[in-house]
Amino acid sequence: MSDAENPMSVYTAIRSRRDVRAEFDGRIIEDDVLHRILDAAHHAPSVGNTQPWDFVIVRSPDTLAAFGRHVADERVAFAQSLPADRRETFDPIRIEGIETSGTGIVVTYDPERGGQHVLGRATVDETGIFSAVLAVQNLWLAAISESIGVGWVSFYQEQFLSELLGIPAPVRPIAWLCVGPVSEFQTVPDLERFGWRPRRPLSEAIHREKFGG
């Protein structure tokens, strides 16, 4: 599909993007579509042009199931840490679609890529991991333009995921993304629909000249 055949504007993609959980329809994303969204991710800007990311594609049912069990345990632990009223709000919120999506993309960050002297990272080391997160954002926006759902799973222990996928230190997994075709995209994000937290208005986020101005 060429850009001309897929005219969704970046503004539409941004507003349409959802963190998909329950809407995966069980189909597997086609390889050519997967390649296109990974290519978009790989064109993200990066500090010092280091491109510190890699993408681990996971489709083994055994691996998906093992990670799913781990995430379920972490979900329970989080729920038990909540006050009763917040636990009641959290209970119906689905936090993963690991097996139903059929495809996981694990985005990793390599802090050693680019060597010791990374242009632009000398004073703000976090710009390296920020770069990998920009790749996630590119992937997500490309996916929505293809009508492909993405869900970011963050209920996991980093060491568990590194061992599960054989990720060598100091490389870090920074995101497990569930990726696949969906039956629909929700018009209202889940955390708003279920009453976890409303969207903050833009007017509250804009400051002039100084913070609080």
Protein backbone atom coordinates (compact mmCIF):
# COMPACT_ATOMS: atom_id res chain seq x y z
CA MET A 1 0.00 0.00 0.00
CA SER A 2 1.52 3.31 -1.04
CA ASP A 3 1.22 6.54 0.90
CA ALA A 4 -1.13 7.82 -1.82
CA GLU A 5 -3.46 4.86 -1.23
CA ASN A 6 -3.35 5.40 2.53
CA PRO A 7 -4.07 9.11 2.99
CA MET A 8 -4.69 9.23 6.77
CA SER A 9 -3.15 12.44 8.09
CA VAL A 10 -0.77 12.38 11.00
CA TYR A 11 -3.30 14.38 13.02
CA THR A 12 -5.99 11.77 12.38
CA ALA A 13 -3.58 8.99 13.33
CA ILE A 14 -2.67 10.74 16.58
CA ARG A 15 -6.30 11.24 17.58
CA SER A 16 -7.33 7.73 16.48
CA ARG A 17 -4.51 5.90 18.27
CA ARG A 18 -5.68 3.63 21.08
CA ASP A 19 -3.95 1.28 23.48
CA VAL A 20 -5.70 -1.89 22.28
CA ARG A 21 -6.50 -4.70 24.71
CA ALA A 22 -9.75 -6.57 24.10
CA GLU A 23 -10.32 -5.79 20.42
CA PHE A 24 -7.77 -8.08 18.71
CA ASP A 25 -9.75 -10.34 16.37
CA GLY A 26 -7.40 -13.34 16.38
CA ARG A 27 -5.90 -12.82 12.93
CA ILE A 28 -2.14 -12.48 12.52
CA ILE A 29 -0.75 -9.29 11.04
CA GLU A 30 0.50 -9.90 7.51
CA ASP A 31 4.27 -9.84 7.05
CA ASP A 32 4.28 -7.02 4.50
CA VAL A 33 2.23 -4.80 6.83
CA LEU A 34 4.47 -5.73 9.75
CA HIS A 35 7.51 -4.77 7.69
CA ARG A 36 6.00 -1.39 6.84
CA ILE A 37 5.30 -0.45 10.43
CA LEU A 38 8.75 -1.64 11.54
CA ASP A 39 10.27 0.43 8.74
CA ALA A 40 8.38 3.44 10.09
CA ALA A 41 9.71 2.70 13.58
CA HIS A 42 13.23 2.40 12.21
CA HIS A 43 12.94 5.89 10.70
CA ALA A 44 12.48 7.53 14.10
CA PRO A 45 14.91 10.29 15.08
CA SER A 46 17.65 9.26 17.49
CA VAL A 47 20.32 11.02 19.48
CA GLY A 48 23.62 11.04 17.60
CA ASN A 49 21.90 8.94 14.90
CA THR A 50 22.64 5.92 17.10
CA GLN A 51 19.36 4.09 16.34
CA PRO A 52 19.69 2.33 19.71
CA TRP A 53 16.64 0.10 19.19
CA ASP A 54 16.09 -3.46 18.01
CA PHE A 55 12.79 -5.25 17.42
CA VAL A 56 12.22 -8.82 18.61
CA ILE A 57 9.19 -10.38 16.87
CA VAL A 58 7.54 -13.01 19.05
CA ARG A 59 4.95 -15.44 17.63
CA SER A 60 5.71 -18.71 19.41
CA PRO A 61 2.53 -19.75 21.25
CA ASP A 62 4.64 -21.11 24.11
CA THR A 63 6.49 -17.82 24.54
CA LEU A 64 3.31 -15.76 24.28
CA ALA A 65 1.65 -17.99 26.88
CA ALA A 66 4.63 -17.83 29.26
CA PHE A 67 4.72 -14.05 29.07
CA GLY A 68 0.94 -13.90 29.44
CA ARG A 69 1.11 -15.90 32.69
CA HIS A 70 3.83 -13.61 34.03
CA VAL A 71 1.81 -10.50 33.18
CA ALA A 72 -1.31 -11.97 34.80
CA ASP A 73 0.64 -12.51 38.03
CA GLU A 74 1.95 -8.94 37.95
CA ARG A 75 -1.58 -7.65 37.34
CA VAL A 76 -2.80 -9.43 40.45
CA ALA A 77 0.07 -8.01 42.49
CA PHE A 78 -0.77 -4.49 41.31
CA ALA A 79 -4.47 -4.94 42.03
CA GLN A 80 -3.71 -6.12 45.56
CA SER A 81 -1.62 -2.98 46.17
CA LEU A 82 -4.55 -0.66 45.40
CA PRO A 83 -7.01 0.86 47.84
CA ALA A 84 -10.42 -0.82 47.66
CA ASP A 85 -12.07 1.92 45.59
CA ARG A 86 -9.26 2.02 43.02
CA ARG A 87 -9.18 -1.79 42.87
CA GLU A 88 -12.88 -1.80 42.01
CA THR A 89 -12.22 0.66 39.17
CA PHE A 90 -9.20 -1.32 37.95
CA ASP A 91 -10.80 -4.80 37.99
CA PRO A 92 -12.71 -4.55 34.66
CA ILE A 93 -9.81 -2.91 32.82
CA ARG A 94 -8.07 -5.43 30.59
CA ILE A 95 -4.33 -4.80 30.49
CA GLU A 96 -3.09 -7.14 27.78
CA GLY A 97 -3.84 -8.94 24.53
CA ILE A 98 -0.67 -10.98 24.39
CA GLU A 99 -2.06 -14.23 23.03
CA THR A 100 -5.08 -12.91 21.15
CA SER A 101 -2.93 -10.49 19.11
CA GLY A 102 -0.71 -13.39 18.02
CA THR A 103 2.31 -11.14 17.58
CA GLY A 104 4.49 -9.42 20.13
CA ILE A 105 7.11 -6.85 19.19
CA VAL A 106 9.62 -6.23 21.93
CA VAL A 107 11.49 -2.98 21.47
CA THR A 108 14.92 -2.96 23.09
CA TYR A 109 17.40 -0.22 23.95
CA ASP A 110 21.18 -0.64 23.66
CA PRO A 111 22.99 2.05 25.72
CA GLU A 112 26.34 1.09 24.16
CA ARG A 113 25.32 1.67 20.56
CA GLY A 114 27.30 4.57 19.17
CA GLY A 115 30.24 4.03 21.50
CA GLN A 116 31.40 6.25 24.35
CA HIS A 117 30.97 9.61 22.67
CA VAL A 118 27.38 9.95 21.48
CA LEU A 119 26.72 13.35 20.00
CA GLY A 120 23.90 14.94 21.99
CA ARG A 121 23.88 12.49 24.90
CA ALA A 122 26.79 13.82 26.95
CA THR A 123 24.69 15.93 29.32
CA VAL A 124 21.32 14.15 29.13
CA ASP A 125 21.94 10.41 29.11
CA GLU A 126 18.22 9.66 28.93
CA THR A 127 18.11 10.94 25.34
CA GLY A 128 19.19 7.45 24.33
CA ILE A 129 16.13 5.75 25.79
CA PHE A 130 13.97 8.66 24.62
CA SER A 131 15.10 7.79 21.09
CA ALA A 132 13.90 4.20 21.44
CA VAL A 133 10.54 5.44 22.71
CA LEU A 134 10.25 7.63 19.61
CA ALA A 135 10.59 4.43 17.57
CA VAL A 136 7.64 3.02 19.54
CA GLN A 137 5.59 6.12 18.73
CA ASN A 138 6.43 5.88 15.02
CA LEU A 139 5.43 2.22 15.02
CA TRP A 140 2.15 2.99 16.76
CA LEU A 141 1.14 5.79 14.39
CA ALA A 142 2.07 3.72 11.34
CA ALA A 143 0.02 0.83 12.72
CA ILE A 144 -3.12 2.93 13.22
CA SER A 145 -2.79 4.22 9.65
CA GLU A 146 -2.91 0.54 8.56
CA SER A 147 -5.91 -0.19 10.84
CA ILE A 148 -3.65 -2.36 12.99
CA GLY A 149 -4.05 -2.35 16.75
CA VAL A 150 -1.20 -1.94 19.23
CA GLY A 151 -1.24 -2.52 22.97
CA TRP A 152 1.71 -1.58 25.17
CA VAL A 153 2.21 -4.12 27.98
CA SER A 154 4.09 -2.78 30.99
CA PHE A 155 3.07 -5.22 33.73
CA TYR A 156 6.27 -7.26 33.73
CA GLN A 157 9.60 -7.61 35.45
CA GLU A 158 12.41 -6.56 33.13
CA GLN A 159 14.69 -9.39 34.22
CA PHE A 160 12.01 -11.98 33.45
CA LEU A 161 11.50 -10.65 29.93
CA SER A 162 15.25 -10.42 29.28
CA GLU A 163 15.68 -14.06 30.29
CA LEU A 164 12.62 -15.19 28.35
CA LEU A 165 13.93 -13.70 25.09
CA GLY A 166 17.67 -14.07 25.71
CA ILE A 167 18.31 -10.31 25.70
CA PRO A 168 21.92 -9.76 26.78
CA ALA A 169 22.92 -7.02 29.23
CA PRO A 170 23.25 -4.07 28.98
CA VAL A 171 20.51 -4.19 26.31
CA ARG A 172 17.12 -3.53 27.93
CA PRO A 173 13.58 -4.42 26.82
CA ILE A 174 11.61 -1.18 27.06
CA ALA A 175 8.28 -2.23 25.53
CA TRP A 176 6.28 -5.33 24.71
CA LEU A 177 3.81 -4.31 22.04
CA CYS A 178 0.87 -6.55 21.16
CA VAL A 179 0.25 -6.02 17.43
CA GLY A 180 -2.55 -7.32 15.24
CA PRO A 181 -5.77 -6.70 13.32
CA VAL A 182 -8.74 -5.58 15.41
CA SER A 183 -12.53 -5.82 15.27
CA GLU A 184 -12.82 -2.11 16.12
CA PHE A 185 -11.05 0.83 17.69
CA GLN A 186 -12.68 2.33 20.75
CA THR A 187 -13.68 5.97 20.32
CA VAL A 188 -12.83 6.69 23.98
CA PRO A 189 -9.58 5.33 25.49
CA ASP A 190 -10.12 2.50 27.98
CA LEU A 191 -8.74 4.37 31.00
CA GLU A 192 -11.24 7.14 30.40
CA ARG A 193 -14.12 4.75 29.59
CA PHE A 194 -13.63 2.79 32.80
CA GLY A 195 -13.13 5.88 34.97
CA TRP A 196 -9.48 5.37 35.86
CA ARG A 197 -8.40 8.88 34.85
CA PRO A 198 -9.79 11.54 32.49
CA ARG A 199 -7.77 13.27 29.80
CA ARG A 200 -6.05 16.42 30.98
CA PRO A 201 -6.97 19.53 28.97
CA LEU A 202 -4.24 21.11 26.85
CA SER A 203 -4.78 24.45 28.57
CA GLU A 204 -3.44 22.98 31.82
CA ALA A 205 -0.26 21.77 30.14
CA ILE A 206 0.81 25.05 28.46
CA HIS A 207 3.11 27.44 30.33
CA ARG A 208 4.53 30.72 29.06
CA GLU A 209 8.12 31.82 29.66
CA LYS A 210 8.37 30.00 33.03
CA PHE A 211 6.77 26.93 34.55
CA GLY A 212 3.47 28.03 36.06
CA GLY A 213 3.38 31.14 33.88
